[in-house]
Amino acid sequence: MARDFNGTSDRIAYAYDFDWSAVPQTWAAWTWWDNFDASEQPMTDHQAGDTLAAKWVERVGTETSVRMTFNTTGSLQSTQTDTGYLSTGSWMHMTWSWNGSVGNNLTDTLFYKNGELFANVNNTSGTGTPNACAGSNSLGARLVGASPQWFDGRIAEQGRWNRQLTTDEIAALGKGYSPLCFPAGLKQYRPLLRDTGDRMAGVASAVDGTTVIQHPNVIMPRKTLRRVEPPSMTFMRQRHFRFRTDTAVVDASPTWGGDEDAVA
């Protein structure tokens, strides 16, 4: 089941797992926004000590756009979508892809909504290099000294890669395919289905609040049966076989069809 964040105190914090400060990357998750009453941060990389953020996604005020902001050794960089990116009361698939550079806020970070590229508007191009992401990575809040900023809504199926996904891969995620369908470079996978664990990084999570809630439908990698010949026939008749289950390699095309397994 997914997790619902109350917008005032709920947060899931994951221990440091990888230096995300200056590598090309893609972050994706199913999100549901409850309201637009205040600034909200569904995802944050913190600097060491967790008192300042290194990188975060936010919605500001009552806007229907989101922005990705980096603190740097020079001036911060912020990339913002055009209005209409967000709406309330339903699941949407949110993806941002970053090329690892600072200097051009329009092209360094790209946002996708339900698998489709969404227009950016000019905001702030930064200088210097991104600050180290040496603290916790959190879902549901950004810690800013004594005044955290929270997220009011739901999150499920969060994945993160240390590469920029292709447009076909992002389109498939927007159609409901699991991050596990794209294992190359997948460093974080937090489905929030039965627990809050990270299935890839294996790091500890600290949960403050959150409520278990209905999960969106997700298409998992297909599994196939492979026939394996027995090593010896002294203990087994020739007509008997053993089977094992292997995870098949899944094509990255968004037009797959048919017999994948959907889970709710």
C-alpha atoms as a PDB file:
ATOM      1  CA  MET A   1       0.000   0.000   0.000  1.00  0.00           C
ATOM      2  CA  ALA A   2       1.090   3.602  -0.607  1.00  0.00           C
ATOM      3  CA  ARG A   3       1.854   6.134   2.121  1.00  0.00           C
ATOM      4  CA  ASP A   4      -0.207   9.225   2.904  1.00  0.00           C
ATOM      5  CA  PHE A   5       1.616  12.251   4.389  1.00  0.00           C
ATOM      6  CA  ASN A   6      -0.426  14.669   6.512  1.00  0.00           C
ATOM      7  CA  GLY A   7       1.372  17.912   5.596  1.00  0.00           C
ATOM      8  CA  THR A   8       2.298  18.811   9.176  1.00  0.00           C
ATOM      9  CA  SER A   9       4.528  16.126  10.703  1.00  0.00           C
ATOM     10  CA  ASP A  10       4.788  13.002   8.510  1.00  0.00           C
ATOM     11  CA  ARG A  11       8.150  12.092   6.993  1.00  0.00           C
ATOM     12  CA  ILE A  12      10.157   9.039   5.953  1.00  0.00           C
ATOM     13  CA  ALA A  13      13.910   9.558   6.238  1.00  0.00           C
ATOM     14  CA  TYR A  14      16.423   7.246   4.566  1.00  0.00           C
ATOM     15  CA  ALA A  15      20.057   7.020   5.609  1.00  0.00           C
ATOM     16  CA  TYR A  16      22.733   8.306   3.244  1.00  0.00           C
ATOM     17  CA  ASP A  17      23.276   5.756   0.470  1.00  0.00           C
ATOM     18  CA  PHE A  18      24.976   7.437  -2.490  1.00  0.00           C
ATOM     19  CA  ASP A  19      26.496  10.816  -3.370  1.00  0.00           C
ATOM     20  CA  TRP A  20      23.777  12.255  -5.586  1.00  0.00           C
ATOM     21  CA  SER A  21      25.287  15.737  -5.630  1.00  0.00           C
ATOM     22  CA  ALA A  22      26.722  15.915  -9.157  1.00  0.00           C
ATOM     23  CA  VAL A  23      25.810  12.818 -11.165  1.00  0.00           C
ATOM     24  CA  PRO A  24      23.235  12.567 -13.978  1.00  0.00           C
ATOM     25  CA  GLN A  25      20.089  11.086 -12.488  1.00  0.00           C
ATOM     26  CA  THR A  26      16.377  10.442 -12.777  1.00  0.00           C
ATOM     27  CA  TRP A  27      13.850  10.512  -9.932  1.00  0.00           C
ATOM     28  CA  ALA A  28      10.333   9.150 -10.407  1.00  0.00           C
ATOM     29  CA  ALA A  29       7.291   8.417  -8.268  1.00  0.00           C
ATOM     30  CA  TRP A  30       3.527   8.266  -8.259  1.00  0.00           C
ATOM     31  CA  THR A  31       2.260  11.282  -6.308  1.00  0.00           C
ATOM     32  CA  TRP A  32      -1.134  12.503  -5.149  1.00  0.00           C
ATOM     33  CA  TRP A  33      -1.486  16.100  -3.966  1.00  0.00           C
ATOM     34  CA  ASP A  34      -4.244  16.793  -1.438  1.00  0.00           C
ATOM     35  CA  ASN A  35      -4.253  20.606  -1.536  1.00  0.00           C
ATOM     36  CA  PHE A  36      -2.224  23.672  -2.446  1.00  0.00           C
ATOM     37  CA  ASP A  37      -2.455  25.612   0.822  1.00  0.00           C
ATOM     38  CA  ALA A  38       1.274  26.047   1.464  1.00  0.00           C
ATOM     39  CA  SER A  39       4.715  25.322   0.044  1.00  0.00           C
ATOM     40  CA  GLU A  40       5.337  21.580  -0.089  1.00  0.00           C
ATOM     41  CA  GLN A  41       8.414  19.377  -0.548  1.00  0.00           C
ATOM     42  CA  PRO A  42       7.770  15.711  -1.442  1.00  0.00           C
ATOM     43  CA  MET A  43      11.495  14.829  -1.879  1.00  0.00           C
ATOM     44  CA  THR A  44      14.694  16.245  -0.391  1.00  0.00           C
ATOM     45  CA  ASP A  45      18.396  15.390  -0.329  1.00  0.00           C
ATOM     46  CA  HIS A  46      19.877  16.912   2.813  1.00  0.00           C
ATOM     47  CA  GLN A  47      23.383  18.064   3.513  1.00  0.00           C
ATOM     48  CA  ALA A  48      25.309  16.545   6.411  1.00  0.00           C
ATOM     49  CA  GLY A  49      23.532  17.148   9.715  1.00  0.00           C
ATOM     50  CA  ASP A  50      20.091  17.402   8.078  1.00  0.00           C
ATOM     51  CA  THR A  51      19.691  21.109   8.868  1.00  0.00           C
ATOM     52  CA  LEU A  52      20.065  22.288   5.259  1.00  0.00           C
ATOM     53  CA  ALA A  53      18.909  20.835   1.968  1.00  0.00           C
ATOM     54  CA  ALA A  54      21.236  20.091  -0.936  1.00  0.00           C
ATOM     55  CA  LYS A  55      18.560  19.322  -3.540  1.00  0.00           C
ATOM     56  CA  TRP A  56      14.792  19.328  -3.341  1.00  0.00           C
ATOM     57  CA  VAL A  57      11.509  19.260  -5.267  1.00  0.00           C
ATOM     58  CA  GLU A  58       8.948  21.818  -4.151  1.00  0.00           C
ATOM     59  CA  ARG A  59       5.661  23.445  -4.923  1.00  0.00           C
ATOM     60  CA  VAL A  60       5.510  27.077  -3.786  1.00  0.00           C
ATOM     61  CA  GLY A  61       2.462  28.848  -2.382  1.00  0.00           C
ATOM     62  CA  THR A  62      -0.700  28.078  -4.332  1.00  0.00           C
ATOM     63  CA  GLU A  63       1.101  27.434  -7.636  1.00  0.00           C
ATOM     64  CA  THR A  64       0.264  24.453  -9.857  1.00  0.00           C
ATOM     65  CA  SER A  65       3.905  24.197 -10.952  1.00  0.00           C
ATOM     66  CA  VAL A  66       6.850  22.490  -9.279  1.00  0.00           C
ATOM     67  CA  ARG A  67      10.536  23.322  -9.185  1.00  0.00           C
ATOM     68  CA  MET A  68      13.798  21.508  -8.619  1.00  0.00           C
ATOM     69  CA  THR A  69      16.320  23.546  -6.621  1.00  0.00           C
ATOM     70  CA  PHE A  70      20.031  22.934  -5.941  1.00  0.00           C
ATOM     71  CA  ASN A  71      22.166  24.584  -3.306  1.00  0.00           C
ATOM     72  CA  THR A  72      25.647  25.078  -4.763  1.00  0.00           C
ATOM     73  CA  THR A  73      29.084  26.426  -3.917  1.00  0.00           C
ATOM     74  CA  GLY A  74      28.080  29.554  -5.872  1.00  0.00           C
ATOM     75  CA  SER A  75      24.493  30.657  -6.429  1.00  0.00           C
ATOM     76  CA  LEU A  76      21.585  28.210  -6.284  1.00  0.00           C
ATOM     77  CA  GLN A  77      19.867  26.906  -9.397  1.00  0.00           C
ATOM     78  CA  SER A  78      16.116  26.410  -9.688  1.00  0.00           C
ATOM     79  CA  THR A  79      14.201  24.867 -12.604  1.00  0.00           C
ATOM     80  CA  GLN A  80      10.436  25.388 -12.673  1.00  0.00           C
ATOM     81  CA  THR A  81       7.673  23.861 -14.766  1.00  0.00           C
ATOM     82  CA  ASP A  82       4.989  25.874 -16.438  1.00  0.00           C
ATOM     83  CA  THR A  83       1.660  26.166 -14.607  1.00  0.00           C
ATOM     84  CA  GLY A  84      -0.788  23.293 -14.821  1.00  0.00           C
ATOM     85  CA  TYR A  85       1.726  20.606 -13.954  1.00  0.00           C
ATOM     86  CA  LEU A  86      -0.109  19.694 -10.746  1.00  0.00           C
ATOM     87  CA  SER A  87      -3.702  19.003  -9.809  1.00  0.00           C
ATOM     88  CA  THR A  88      -5.290  17.678  -6.635  1.00  0.00           C
ATOM     89  CA  GLY A  89      -7.223  14.552  -5.791  1.00  0.00           C
ATOM     90  CA  SER A  90      -5.775  11.937  -8.156  1.00  0.00           C
ATOM     91  CA  TRP A  91      -2.614   9.968  -8.843  1.00  0.00           C
ATOM     92  CA  MET A  92      -0.087  11.437 -11.287  1.00  0.00           C
ATOM     93  CA  HIS A  93       3.312  10.112 -12.295  1.00  0.00           C
ATOM     94  CA  MET A  94       6.058  12.646 -11.657  1.00  0.00           C
ATOM     95  CA  THR A  95       9.565  12.363 -13.119  1.00  0.00           C
ATOM     96  CA  TRP A  96      12.501  14.725 -13.190  1.00  0.00           C
ATOM     97  CA  SER A  97      15.713  14.078 -15.068  1.00  0.00           C
ATOM     98  CA  TRP A  98      18.961  16.020 -14.464  1.00  0.00           C
ATOM     99  CA  ASN A  99      22.106  16.008 -16.605  1.00  0.00           C
ATOM    100  CA  GLY A 100      24.468  16.631 -13.672  1.00  0.00           C
ATOM    101  CA  SER A 101      25.259  20.223 -14.669  1.00  0.00           C
ATOM    102  CA  VAL A 102      24.589  23.694 -13.270  1.00  0.00           C
ATOM    103  CA  GLY A 103      24.315  26.760 -15.489  1.00  0.00           C
ATOM    104  CA  ASN A 104      21.153  26.433 -17.592  1.00  0.00           C
ATOM    105  CA  ASN A 105      17.951  26.059 -15.598  1.00  0.00           C
ATOM    106  CA  LEU A 106      15.828  25.488 -18.730  1.00  0.00           C
ATOM    107  CA  THR A 107      17.702  22.445 -20.036  1.00  0.00           C
ATOM    108  CA  ASP A 108      19.731  20.973 -17.143  1.00  0.00           C
ATOM    109  CA  THR A 109      16.587  19.576 -15.459  1.00  0.00           C
ATOM    110  CA  LEU A 110      13.572  18.226 -17.346  1.00  0.00           C
ATOM    111  CA  PHE A 111      10.174  17.404 -15.845  1.00  0.00           C
ATOM    112  CA  TYR A 112       7.735  14.790 -17.111  1.00  0.00           C
ATOM    113  CA  LYS A 113       4.076  14.364 -16.180  1.00  0.00           C
ATOM    114  CA  ASN A 114       2.550  10.916 -16.691  1.00  0.00           C
ATOM    115  CA  GLY A 115       5.450  10.045 -18.964  1.00  0.00           C
ATOM    116  CA  GLU A 116       5.296  13.135 -21.180  1.00  0.00           C
ATOM    117  CA  LEU A 117       7.751  16.035 -21.245  1.00  0.00           C
ATOM    118  CA  PHE A 118       6.320  19.174 -19.600  1.00  0.00           C
ATOM    119  CA  ALA A 119       7.434  22.694 -20.471  1.00  0.00           C
ATOM    120  CA  ASN A 120       9.845  24.580 -18.221  1.00  0.00           C
ATOM    121  CA  VAL A 121       9.742  28.342 -17.638  1.00  0.00           C
ATOM    122  CA  ASN A 122      12.778  30.523 -16.985  1.00  0.00           C
ATOM    123  CA  ASN A 123      13.702  30.684 -13.311  1.00  0.00           C
ATOM    124  CA  THR A 124      17.260  30.830 -11.914  1.00  0.00           C
ATOM    125  CA  SER A 125      20.467  29.537 -13.480  1.00  0.00           C
ATOM    126  CA  GLY A 126      23.124  28.812 -10.888  1.00  0.00           C
ATOM    127  CA  THR A 127      26.897  28.879 -10.621  1.00  0.00           C
ATOM    128  CA  GLY A 128      29.481  26.673  -8.937  1.00  0.00           C
ATOM    129  CA  THR A 129      28.992  22.997  -8.152  1.00  0.00           C
ATOM    130  CA  PRO A 130      26.127  21.308  -6.264  1.00  0.00           C
ATOM    131  CA  ASN A 131      26.613  20.851  -2.526  1.00  0.00           C
ATOM    132  CA  ALA A 132      27.207  17.310  -1.280  1.00  0.00           C
ATOM    133  CA  CYS A 133      24.154  15.194  -0.496  1.00  0.00           C
ATOM    134  CA  ALA A 134      25.703  13.725   2.647  1.00  0.00           C
ATOM    135  CA  GLY A 135      22.659  13.716   4.931  1.00  0.00           C
ATOM    136  CA  SER A 136      19.369  11.861   4.798  1.00  0.00           C
ATOM    137  CA  ASN A 137      17.112  11.585   1.787  1.00  0.00           C
ATOM    138  CA  SER A 138      13.535  12.173   2.844  1.00  0.00           C
ATOM    139  CA  LEU A 139      10.050  11.737   1.480  1.00  0.00           C
ATOM    140  CA  GLY A 140       7.421  14.102   2.807  1.00  0.00           C
ATOM    141  CA  ALA A 141       9.475  16.986   4.201  1.00  0.00           C
ATOM    142  CA  ARG A 142      12.441  19.316   3.831  1.00  0.00           C
ATOM    143  CA  LEU A 143      14.243  20.137   7.064  1.00  0.00           C
ATOM    144  CA  VAL A 144      15.098  23.839   7.282  1.00  0.00           C
ATOM    145  CA  GLY A 145      16.386  24.470  10.791  1.00  0.00           C
ATOM    146  CA  ALA A 146      13.419  24.725  13.149  1.00  0.00           C
ATOM    147  CA  SER A 147      10.907  25.284  10.334  1.00  0.00           C
ATOM    148  CA  PRO A 148      10.432  22.115   8.251  1.00  0.00           C
ATOM    149  CA  GLN A 149       8.341  22.296   5.116  1.00  0.00           C
ATOM    150  CA  TRP A 150       5.978  19.372   4.608  1.00  0.00           C
ATOM    151  CA  PHE A 151       4.141  17.515   1.857  1.00  0.00           C
ATOM    152  CA  ASP A 152       0.380  16.945   2.037  1.00  0.00           C
ATOM    153  CA  GLY A 153      -0.438  13.966  -0.154  1.00  0.00           C
ATOM    154  CA  ARG A 154       0.567  10.443  -1.145  1.00  0.00           C
ATOM    155  CA  ILE A 155       3.701   8.827  -2.567  1.00  0.00           C
ATOM    156  CA  ALA A 156       4.241   5.366  -4.070  1.00  0.00           C
ATOM    157  CA  GLU A 157       6.722   3.506  -6.287  1.00  0.00           C
ATOM    158  CA  GLN A 158       9.653   5.891  -5.879  1.00  0.00           C
ATOM    159  CA  GLY A 159      12.665   5.004  -7.997  1.00  0.00           C
ATOM    160  CA  ARG A 160      15.980   6.735  -8.607  1.00  0.00           C
ATOM    161  CA  TRP A 161      18.668   6.023 -11.174  1.00  0.00           C
ATOM    162  CA  ASN A 162      22.231   7.311 -11.526  1.00  0.00           C
ATOM    163  CA  ARG A 163      21.586   8.051 -15.190  1.00  0.00           C
ATOM    164  CA  GLN A 164      19.068   9.917 -17.295  1.00  0.00           C
ATOM    165  CA  LEU A 165      16.380   7.532 -18.457  1.00  0.00           C
ATOM    166  CA  THR A 166      15.392   7.534 -22.091  1.00  0.00           C
ATOM    167  CA  THR A 167      12.139   9.127 -23.174  1.00  0.00           C
ATOM    168  CA  ASP A 168      10.723   5.655 -23.916  1.00  0.00           C
ATOM    169  CA  GLU A 169      11.592   4.445 -20.420  1.00  0.00           C
ATOM    170  CA  ILE A 170       9.973   7.508 -18.839  1.00  0.00           C
ATOM    171  CA  ALA A 171       6.890   7.053 -21.014  1.00  0.00           C
ATOM    172  CA  ALA A 172       6.591   3.447 -19.797  1.00  0.00           C
ATOM    173  CA  LEU A 173       6.849   4.540 -16.151  1.00  0.00           C
ATOM    174  CA  GLY A 174       4.017   6.972 -16.813  1.00  0.00           C
ATOM    175  CA  LYS A 175       1.903   4.067 -18.097  1.00  0.00           C
ATOM    176  CA  GLY A 176       2.358   2.174 -14.836  1.00  0.00           C
ATOM    177  CA  TYR A 177       5.485   0.060 -15.359  1.00  0.00           C
ATOM    178  CA  SER A 178       7.541  -0.549 -12.223  1.00  0.00           C
ATOM    179  CA  PRO A 179      11.025   0.962 -11.819  1.00  0.00           C
ATOM    180  CA  LEU A 180      12.199  -2.665 -11.628  1.00  0.00           C
ATOM    181  CA  CYS A 181      11.531  -2.942 -15.363  1.00  0.00           C
ATOM    182  CA  PHE A 182      14.569  -0.689 -15.859  1.00  0.00           C
ATOM    183  CA  PRO A 183      17.300  -2.109 -13.593  1.00  0.00           C
ATOM    184  CA  ALA A 184      20.295  -0.403 -15.250  1.00  0.00           C
ATOM    185  CA  GLY A 185      21.465   2.288 -12.841  1.00  0.00           C
ATOM    186  CA  LEU A 186      18.534   1.815 -10.439  1.00  0.00           C
ATOM    187  CA  LYS A 187      19.988   2.795  -7.046  1.00  0.00           C
ATOM    188  CA  GLN A 188      16.802   3.384  -5.046  1.00  0.00           C
ATOM    189  CA  TYR A 189      13.489   1.564  -5.168  1.00  0.00           C
ATOM    190  CA  ARG A 190      10.925   2.373  -2.490  1.00  0.00           C
ATOM    191  CA  PRO A 191       7.566   0.971  -3.534  1.00  0.00           C
ATOM    192  CA  LEU A 192       5.994   1.720  -0.128  1.00  0.00           C
ATOM    193  CA  LEU A 193       3.821  -1.291  -0.822  1.00  0.00           C
ATOM    194  CA  ARG A 194       4.062  -3.343   2.371  1.00  0.00           C
ATOM    195  CA  ASP A 195       6.796  -1.506   4.233  1.00  0.00           C
ATOM    196  CA  THR A 196       9.001   1.573   3.811  1.00  0.00           C
ATOM    197  CA  GLY A 197      12.226  -0.281   2.976  1.00  0.00           C
ATOM    198  CA  ASP A 198      14.510   0.504   0.057  1.00  0.00           C
ATOM    199  CA  ARG A 199      14.676  -2.647  -2.091  1.00  0.00           C
ATOM    200  CA  MET A 200      17.866  -1.567  -3.901  1.00  0.00           C
ATOM    201  CA  ALA A 201      20.036   0.440  -1.487  1.00  0.00           C
ATOM    202  CA  GLY A 202      19.050  -1.586   1.570  1.00  0.00           C
ATOM    203  CA  VAL A 203      19.457   1.433   3.871  1.00  0.00           C
ATOM    204  CA  ALA A 204      17.496   1.983   7.055  1.00  0.00           C
ATOM    205  CA  SER A 205      14.384   4.158   7.086  1.00  0.00           C
ATOM    206  CA  ALA A 206      12.982   6.189   9.994  1.00  0.00           C
ATOM    207  CA  VAL A 207       9.226   6.712   9.791  1.00  0.00           C
ATOM    208  CA  ASP A 208       7.458   9.622  11.476  1.00  0.00           C
ATOM    209  CA  GLY A 209       3.737   9.119  11.076  1.00  0.00           C
ATOM    210  CA  THR A 210       2.256   8.446   7.602  1.00  0.00           C
ATOM    211  CA  THR A 211      -0.853   6.394   6.921  1.00  0.00           C
ATOM    212  CA  VAL A 212      -1.115   3.256   4.795  1.00  0.00           C
ATOM    213  CA  ILE A 213      -3.415   3.908   1.841  1.00  0.00           C
ATOM    214  CA  GLN A 214      -4.495   2.305  -1.448  1.00  0.00           C
ATOM    215  CA  HIS A 215      -1.595   1.699  -3.851  1.00  0.00           C
ATOM    216  CA  PRO A 216      -1.799   2.653  -7.543  1.00  0.00           C
ATOM    217  CA  ASN A 217      -1.792  -0.203 -10.043  1.00  0.00           C
ATOM    218  CA  VAL A 218       1.737  -1.165 -11.120  1.00  0.00           C
ATOM    219  CA  ILE A 219       2.980  -3.494 -13.873  1.00  0.00           C
ATOM    220  CA  MET A 220       5.834  -5.665 -12.635  1.00  0.00           C
ATOM    221  CA  PRO A 221       8.516  -7.414 -14.731  1.00  0.00           C
ATOM    222  CA  ARG A 222       7.238 -10.606 -16.325  1.00  0.00           C
ATOM    223  CA  LYS A 223       8.398 -13.936 -14.899  1.00  0.00           C
ATOM    224  CA  THR A 224       8.875 -17.050 -16.989  1.00  0.00           C
ATOM    225  CA  LEU A 225       9.307 -20.754 -16.248  1.00  0.00           C
ATOM    226  CA  ARG A 226      12.477 -22.387 -17.495  1.00  0.00           C
ATOM    227  CA  ARG A 227      12.887 -26.141 -17.784  1.00  0.00           C
ATOM    228  CA  VAL A 228      16.052 -27.409 -16.084  1.00  0.00           C
ATOM    229  CA  GLU A 229      17.344 -30.921 -16.769  1.00  0.00           C
ATOM    230  CA  PRO A 230      18.119 -32.956 -13.640  1.00  0.00           C
ATOM    231  CA  PRO A 231      21.825 -33.542 -12.976  1.00  0.00           C
ATOM    232  CA  SER A 232      21.358 -37.288 -12.566  1.00  0.00           C
ATOM    233  CA  MET A 233      18.712 -39.822 -13.486  1.00  0.00           C
ATOM    234  CA  THR A 234      19.605 -42.237 -10.687  1.00  0.00           C
ATOM    235  CA  PHE A 235      17.040 -40.696  -8.358  1.00  0.00           C
ATOM    236  CA  MET A 236      14.539 -39.279 -10.845  1.00  0.00           C
ATOM    237  CA  ARG A 237      12.644 -40.740 -13.756  1.00  0.00           C
ATOM    238  CA  GLN A 238      13.335 -39.132 -17.092  1.00  0.00           C
ATOM    239  CA  ARG A 239       9.810 -37.838 -17.474  1.00  0.00           C
ATOM    240  CA  HIS A 240      10.064 -35.696 -14.316  1.00  0.00           C
ATOM    241  CA  PHE A 241      11.383 -32.141 -14.454  1.00  0.00           C
ATOM    242  CA  ARG A 242      12.341 -29.401 -12.067  1.00  0.00           C
ATOM    243  CA  PHE A 243      11.366 -25.802 -12.724  1.00  0.00           C
ATOM    244  CA  ARG A 244      12.770 -22.543 -11.486  1.00  0.00           C
ATOM    245  CA  THR A 245      11.502 -18.977 -11.864  1.00  0.00           C
ATOM    246  CA  ASP A 246      13.742 -16.412 -13.531  1.00  0.00           C
ATOM    247  CA  THR A 247      13.030 -12.726 -14.063  1.00  0.00           C
ATOM    248  CA  ALA A 248      13.067 -12.049 -17.771  1.00  0.00           C
ATOM    249  CA  VAL A 249      14.832  -9.083 -19.292  1.00  0.00           C
ATOM    250  CA  VAL A 250      12.121  -6.560 -20.142  1.00  0.00           C
ATOM    251  CA  ASP A 251      12.242  -4.444 -23.268  1.00  0.00           C
ATOM    252  CA  ALA A 252      12.208  -0.712 -22.546  1.00  0.00           C
ATOM    253  CA  SER A 253       9.532  -0.036 -25.169  1.00  0.00           C
ATOM    254  CA  PRO A 254       6.398   1.726 -23.876  1.00  0.00           C
ATOM    255  CA  THR A 255       4.284  -0.417 -26.208  1.00  0.00           C
ATOM    256  CA  TRP A 256       4.736  -3.738 -24.458  1.00  0.00           C
ATOM    257  CA  GLY A 257       1.550  -5.671 -24.165  1.00  0.00           C
ATOM    258  CA  GLY A 258      -0.223  -8.591 -22.913  1.00  0.00           C
ATOM    259  CA  ASP A 259       0.858 -10.810 -20.103  1.00  0.00           C
ATOM    260  CA  GLU A 260       2.752  -8.704 -17.595  1.00  0.00           C
ATOM    261  CA  ASP A 261       1.578  -9.026 -14.006  1.00  0.00           C
ATOM    262  CA  ALA A 262      -0.361  -6.057 -12.601  1.00  0.00           C
ATOM    263  CA  VAL A 263      -0.429  -5.654  -8.839  1.00  0.00           C
ATOM    264  CA  ALA A 264      -2.459  -3.341  -6.712  1.00  0.00           C
END
